[in-house]
């Protein structure tokens, strides 16, 4: 059974940092391109960052220079380091390999 489990969300003040984790079981994350999406209330889900299996990364313009996606193969976990957080980053964050999705983790940034 494939599971993706996000963690690390929470409440943080603007300018603060959080690191989200996406732990996988049933699949080997390094075999897939992994994505972080987010969905704010009343808005469509949007792509935040992508990490391809070779290690290349891509970021949405609204997080470039602030967020970093990475992977720990030994832990079979993908991370999203989020720095300089803004209130508009408030959303539920999801990890996915496009076949499977986690349940999401809430990030709330207060002004």
N, C-alpha and C. Protein backbone atom coordinates (compact mmCIF):
# COMPACT_ATOMS: atom_id res chain seq x y z
N UNK A 1 0.85 -1.19 0.00
CA UNK A 1 0.00 0.00 0.00
C UNK A 1 0.88 1.24 0.00
N UNK A 2 0.58 2.17 -0.88
CA UNK A 2 1.36 3.40 -0.99
C UNK A 2 0.78 4.46 -0.07
N UNK A 3 1.65 5.08 0.70
CA UNK A 3 1.23 6.17 1.55
C UNK A 3 2.24 7.30 1.46
N UNK A 4 1.72 8.52 1.38
CA UNK A 4 2.52 9.74 1.50
C UNK A 4 1.96 10.50 2.70
N UNK A 5 2.82 10.80 3.65
CA UNK A 5 2.36 11.43 4.88
C UNK A 5 3.14 12.72 5.08
N UNK A 6 2.41 13.84 5.00
CA UNK A 6 3.03 15.14 5.24
C UNK A 6 3.01 15.49 6.72
N UNK A 7 4.00 16.25 7.13
CA UNK A 7 4.06 16.76 8.49
C UNK A 7 4.88 18.03 8.49
N UNK A 8 4.85 18.73 9.62
CA UNK A 8 5.69 19.91 9.77
C UNK A 8 4.96 21.23 9.65
N UNK A 9 3.68 21.19 9.31
CA UNK A 9 2.92 22.43 9.23
C UNK A 9 2.68 23.01 10.60
N UNK A 10 2.12 24.21 10.60
CA UNK A 10 1.81 24.86 11.87
C UNK A 10 1.55 26.33 11.67
N UNK A 11 1.55 27.03 12.80
CA UNK A 11 1.33 28.47 12.81
C UNK A 11 2.66 29.18 13.02
N UNK A 12 2.95 30.13 12.16
CA UNK A 12 4.22 30.86 12.24
C UNK A 12 3.96 32.32 11.89
N UNK A 13 4.76 33.19 12.44
CA UNK A 13 4.65 34.61 12.11
C UNK A 13 5.29 34.90 10.76
N UNK A 14 4.82 35.95 10.14
CA UNK A 14 5.42 36.38 8.88
C UNK A 14 6.92 36.58 9.07
N UNK A 15 7.68 36.11 8.08
CA UNK A 15 9.13 36.16 8.15
C UNK A 15 9.76 34.92 8.73
N UNK A 16 8.95 34.06 9.30
CA UNK A 16 9.46 32.84 9.92
C UNK A 16 9.67 31.72 8.91
N UNK A 17 10.04 30.56 9.45
CA UNK A 17 10.36 29.40 8.62
C UNK A 17 9.64 28.16 9.12
N UNK A 18 9.41 27.26 8.22
CA UNK A 18 8.91 25.92 8.52
C UNK A 18 9.55 24.95 7.56
N UNK A 19 9.69 23.72 7.99
CA UNK A 19 10.13 22.66 7.09
C UNK A 19 9.07 21.58 7.06
N UNK A 20 8.52 21.36 5.89
CA UNK A 20 7.54 20.31 5.70
C UNK A 20 8.25 19.02 5.28
N UNK A 21 7.70 17.91 5.74
CA UNK A 21 8.23 16.60 5.37
C UNK A 21 7.14 15.79 4.70
N UNK A 22 7.55 14.96 3.78
CA UNK A 22 6.64 14.02 3.11
C UNK A 22 7.31 12.66 3.14
N UNK A 23 6.86 11.83 4.04
CA UNK A 23 7.43 10.50 4.21
C UNK A 23 6.63 9.50 3.40
N UNK A 24 7.33 8.65 2.67
CA UNK A 24 6.67 7.71 1.78
C UNK A 24 6.86 6.27 2.25
N UNK A 25 5.85 5.47 1.99
CA UNK A 25 5.95 4.02 2.16
C UNK A 25 5.26 3.38 0.96
N UNK A 26 5.79 2.25 0.55
CA UNK A 26 5.21 1.55 -0.59
C UNK A 26 5.74 1.97 -1.94
N UNK A 27 6.50 3.06 -1.98
CA UNK A 27 7.15 3.50 -3.20
C UNK A 27 8.53 4.06 -2.85
N UNK A 28 9.39 4.12 -3.85
CA UNK A 28 10.71 4.71 -3.68
C UNK A 28 10.68 6.11 -4.28
N UNK A 29 10.77 7.12 -3.46
CA UNK A 29 10.57 8.49 -3.95
C UNK A 29 11.58 8.89 -5.02
N UNK A 30 12.81 8.39 -4.94
CA UNK A 30 13.81 8.83 -5.91
C UNK A 30 13.49 8.35 -7.32
N UNK A 31 12.53 7.44 -7.45
CA UNK A 31 12.13 6.95 -8.78
C UNK A 31 11.12 7.88 -9.46
N UNK A 32 10.65 8.88 -8.72
CA UNK A 32 9.59 9.74 -9.23
C UNK A 32 9.98 11.21 -9.16
N UNK A 33 9.35 12.00 -10.02
CA UNK A 33 9.34 13.43 -9.79
C UNK A 33 8.35 13.70 -8.67
N UNK A 34 8.79 14.45 -7.69
CA UNK A 34 7.94 14.75 -6.54
C UNK A 34 7.56 16.23 -6.55
N UNK A 35 6.33 16.49 -6.20
CA UNK A 35 5.81 17.85 -6.23
C UNK A 35 5.21 18.23 -4.88
N UNK A 36 5.32 19.50 -4.56
CA UNK A 36 4.54 20.09 -3.47
C UNK A 36 3.52 21.03 -4.12
N UNK A 37 2.28 20.84 -3.72
CA UNK A 37 1.19 21.74 -4.10
C UNK A 37 0.66 22.40 -2.84
N UNK A 38 -0.12 23.45 -3.05
CA UNK A 38 -0.82 24.06 -1.93
C UNK A 38 -2.20 24.52 -2.39
N UNK A 39 -3.08 24.60 -1.42
CA UNK A 39 -4.43 25.07 -1.70
C UNK A 39 -4.89 25.96 -0.55
N UNK A 40 -5.15 27.20 -0.87
CA UNK A 40 -5.66 28.15 0.10
C UNK A 40 -7.19 28.13 0.05
N UNK A 41 -7.84 28.54 1.12
CA UNK A 41 -9.30 28.54 1.13
C UNK A 41 -9.87 29.37 -0.02
N UNK A 42 -10.80 28.76 -0.76
CA UNK A 42 -11.45 29.45 -1.86
C UNK A 42 -10.63 29.58 -3.12
N UNK A 43 -9.45 28.96 -3.13
CA UNK A 43 -8.57 29.05 -4.29
C UNK A 43 -8.29 27.68 -4.85
N UNK A 44 -7.83 27.68 -6.10
CA UNK A 44 -7.46 26.41 -6.73
C UNK A 44 -6.11 25.92 -6.20
N UNK A 45 -5.93 24.62 -6.26
CA UNK A 45 -4.65 24.05 -5.87
C UNK A 45 -3.58 24.52 -6.85
N UNK A 46 -2.41 24.88 -6.36
CA UNK A 46 -1.35 25.37 -7.23
C UNK A 46 -0.04 24.67 -6.92
N UNK A 47 0.75 24.50 -7.98
CA UNK A 47 2.05 23.84 -7.86
C UNK A 47 3.04 24.81 -7.23
N UNK A 48 3.76 24.30 -6.25
CA UNK A 48 4.73 25.12 -5.52
C UNK A 48 6.16 24.79 -5.96
N UNK A 49 6.49 23.49 -5.97
CA UNK A 49 7.86 23.10 -6.26
C UNK A 49 7.88 21.67 -6.78
N UNK A 50 8.88 21.38 -7.60
CA UNK A 50 9.07 20.06 -8.18
C UNK A 50 10.52 19.64 -8.03
N UNK A 51 10.71 18.37 -7.69
CA UNK A 51 12.04 17.76 -7.62
C UNK A 51 12.01 16.53 -8.51
N UNK A 52 12.80 16.56 -9.59
CA UNK A 52 12.80 15.40 -10.47
C UNK A 52 13.79 14.36 -9.95
N UNK A 53 13.70 13.15 -10.47
CA UNK A 53 14.47 12.04 -9.92
C UNK A 53 15.97 12.27 -10.03
N UNK A 54 16.40 13.03 -11.04
CA UNK A 54 17.84 13.30 -11.20
C UNK A 54 18.34 14.36 -10.25
N UNK A 55 17.42 15.03 -9.57
CA UNK A 55 17.80 16.06 -8.60
C UNK A 55 17.50 17.48 -9.02
N UNK A 56 17.09 17.67 -10.26
CA UNK A 56 16.74 19.00 -10.71
C UNK A 56 15.49 19.51 -10.01
N UNK A 57 15.40 20.82 -9.88
CA UNK A 57 14.28 21.42 -9.18
C UNK A 57 13.64 22.52 -10.01
N UNK A 58 12.39 22.80 -9.70
CA UNK A 58 11.68 23.92 -10.34
C UNK A 58 10.73 24.50 -9.30
N UNK A 59 10.58 25.82 -9.34
CA UNK A 59 9.77 26.50 -8.35
C UNK A 59 8.79 27.47 -9.01
N UNK A 60 7.64 27.61 -8.38
CA UNK A 60 6.72 28.66 -8.79
C UNK A 60 7.37 30.01 -8.50
N UNK A 61 7.04 30.99 -9.33
CA UNK A 61 7.66 32.31 -9.17
C UNK A 61 7.40 32.89 -7.78
N UNK A 62 6.25 32.57 -7.22
CA UNK A 62 5.88 33.21 -5.95
C UNK A 62 6.66 32.62 -4.76
N UNK A 63 7.45 31.56 -4.95
CA UNK A 63 8.25 31.03 -3.85
C UNK A 63 9.74 31.00 -4.17
N UNK A 64 10.12 31.37 -5.38
CA UNK A 64 11.53 31.33 -5.75
C UNK A 64 12.37 32.18 -4.80
N UNK A 65 13.47 31.60 -4.37
CA UNK A 65 14.36 32.30 -3.45
C UNK A 65 13.97 32.16 -2.01
N UNK A 66 12.79 31.62 -1.74
CA UNK A 66 12.32 31.46 -0.35
C UNK A 66 12.15 30.00 0.04
N UNK A 67 11.71 29.16 -0.89
CA UNK A 67 11.44 27.75 -0.61
C UNK A 67 12.48 26.88 -1.29
N UNK A 68 12.78 25.74 -0.67
CA UNK A 68 13.71 24.78 -1.23
C UNK A 68 13.14 23.38 -1.07
N UNK A 69 13.08 22.65 -2.18
CA UNK A 69 12.63 21.26 -2.15
C UNK A 69 13.86 20.37 -2.16
N UNK A 70 13.82 19.30 -1.37
CA UNK A 70 14.96 18.39 -1.31
C UNK A 70 14.46 17.00 -0.96
N UNK A 71 15.39 16.05 -1.03
CA UNK A 71 15.01 14.65 -0.79
C UNK A 71 16.12 13.96 -0.01
N UNK A 72 15.72 13.12 0.92
CA UNK A 72 16.65 12.25 1.65
C UNK A 72 16.33 10.83 1.24
N UNK A 73 17.17 10.27 0.40
CA UNK A 73 16.88 8.93 -0.12
C UNK A 73 16.90 7.87 0.98
N UNK A 74 17.78 8.02 1.94
CA UNK A 74 17.87 7.04 3.01
C UNK A 74 16.59 7.01 3.85
N UNK A 75 15.96 8.17 3.99
CA UNK A 75 14.72 8.24 4.76
C UNK A 75 13.48 8.15 3.88
N UNK A 76 13.70 8.11 2.57
CA UNK A 76 12.57 8.06 1.62
C UNK A 76 11.58 9.19 1.90
N UNK A 77 12.13 10.36 2.06
CA UNK A 77 11.36 11.53 2.47
C UNK A 77 11.74 12.73 1.60
N UNK A 78 10.73 13.50 1.26
CA UNK A 78 10.93 14.76 0.55
C UNK A 78 10.58 15.90 1.49
N UNK A 79 11.33 16.98 1.37
CA UNK A 79 11.15 18.12 2.26
C UNK A 79 10.82 19.38 1.46
N UNK A 80 10.20 20.30 2.14
CA UNK A 80 10.02 21.64 1.61
C UNK A 80 10.42 22.62 2.71
N UNK A 81 11.59 23.21 2.55
CA UNK A 81 12.04 24.23 3.48
C UNK A 81 11.45 25.56 3.05
N UNK A 82 10.72 26.19 3.95
CA UNK A 82 10.03 27.44 3.63
C UNK A 82 10.56 28.54 4.52
N UNK A 83 11.19 29.52 3.92
CA UNK A 83 11.74 30.65 4.65
C UNK A 83 11.03 31.94 4.24
N UNK A 84 11.20 32.96 5.03
CA UNK A 84 10.61 34.27 4.74
C UNK A 84 9.13 34.14 4.42
N UNK A 85 8.43 33.40 5.25
CA UNK A 85 7.01 33.12 4.99
C UNK A 85 6.17 34.39 5.04
N UNK A 86 5.15 34.40 4.19
CA UNK A 86 4.23 35.53 4.08
C UNK A 86 2.81 35.05 4.40
N UNK A 87 1.96 35.94 4.81
CA UNK A 87 0.56 35.53 5.08
C UNK A 87 -0.08 34.85 3.87
N UNK A 88 0.29 35.26 2.68
CA UNK A 88 -0.29 34.65 1.47
C UNK A 88 0.21 33.23 1.22
N UNK A 89 1.17 32.77 2.01
CA UNK A 89 1.60 31.37 1.93
C UNK A 89 0.68 30.44 2.73
N UNK A 90 -0.27 31.02 3.45
CA UNK A 90 -1.20 30.21 4.22
C UNK A 90 -2.01 29.31 3.30
N UNK A 91 -1.96 28.01 3.58
CA UNK A 91 -2.63 27.03 2.73
C UNK A 91 -2.42 25.64 3.34
N UNK A 92 -3.13 24.69 2.77
CA UNK A 92 -2.81 23.28 3.04
C UNK A 92 -1.81 22.85 1.97
N UNK A 93 -0.72 22.25 2.41
CA UNK A 93 0.35 21.83 1.52
C UNK A 93 0.31 20.32 1.35
N UNK A 94 0.42 19.90 0.10
CA UNK A 94 0.34 18.48 -0.25
C UNK A 94 1.58 18.05 -1.01
N UNK A 95 2.01 16.82 -0.78
CA UNK A 95 3.04 16.25 -1.63
C UNK A 95 2.40 15.18 -2.51
N UNK A 96 2.98 15.01 -3.68
CA UNK A 96 2.44 14.05 -4.63
C UNK A 96 3.50 13.65 -5.64
N UNK A 97 3.39 12.41 -6.13
CA UNK A 97 4.19 11.98 -7.27
C UNK A 97 3.31 11.93 -8.52
N UNK A 98 2.18 12.60 -8.46
CA UNK A 98 1.17 12.69 -9.51
C UNK A 98 0.28 11.44 -9.58
N UNK A 99 0.69 10.37 -8.91
CA UNK A 99 -0.16 9.19 -8.84
C UNK A 99 -0.83 9.10 -7.48
N UNK A 100 -0.09 9.48 -6.48
CA UNK A 100 -0.57 9.42 -5.11
C UNK A 100 -0.39 10.77 -4.44
N UNK A 101 -1.32 11.07 -3.52
CA UNK A 101 -1.31 12.33 -2.78
C UNK A 101 -1.33 12.03 -1.29
N UNK A 102 -0.66 12.91 -0.55
CA UNK A 102 -0.79 12.84 0.89
C UNK A 102 -2.06 13.54 1.34
N UNK A 103 -2.26 13.55 2.66
CA UNK A 103 -3.48 14.13 3.22
C UNK A 103 -3.37 15.63 3.41
N UNK A 104 -2.14 16.14 3.32
CA UNK A 104 -1.93 17.58 3.46
C UNK A 104 -1.55 17.98 4.88
N UNK A 105 -0.87 19.10 4.98
CA UNK A 105 -0.53 19.68 6.27
C UNK A 105 -0.79 21.18 6.20
N UNK A 106 -1.42 21.69 7.25
CA UNK A 106 -1.85 23.10 7.26
C UNK A 106 -0.68 24.00 7.64
N UNK A 107 -0.49 25.03 6.85
CA UNK A 107 0.48 26.08 7.16
C UNK A 107 -0.29 27.39 7.29
N UNK A 108 -0.13 28.03 8.42
CA UNK A 108 -0.79 29.31 8.66
C UNK A 108 0.26 30.35 9.03
N UNK A 109 0.30 31.44 8.28
CA UNK A 109 1.27 32.49 8.51
C UNK A 109 0.52 33.74 8.97
N UNK A 110 0.83 34.18 10.17
CA UNK A 110 0.16 35.36 10.71
C UNK A 110 0.95 36.62 10.39
N UNK A 111 0.22 37.71 10.23
CA UNK A 111 0.89 38.98 9.89
C UNK A 111 1.30 39.75 11.14
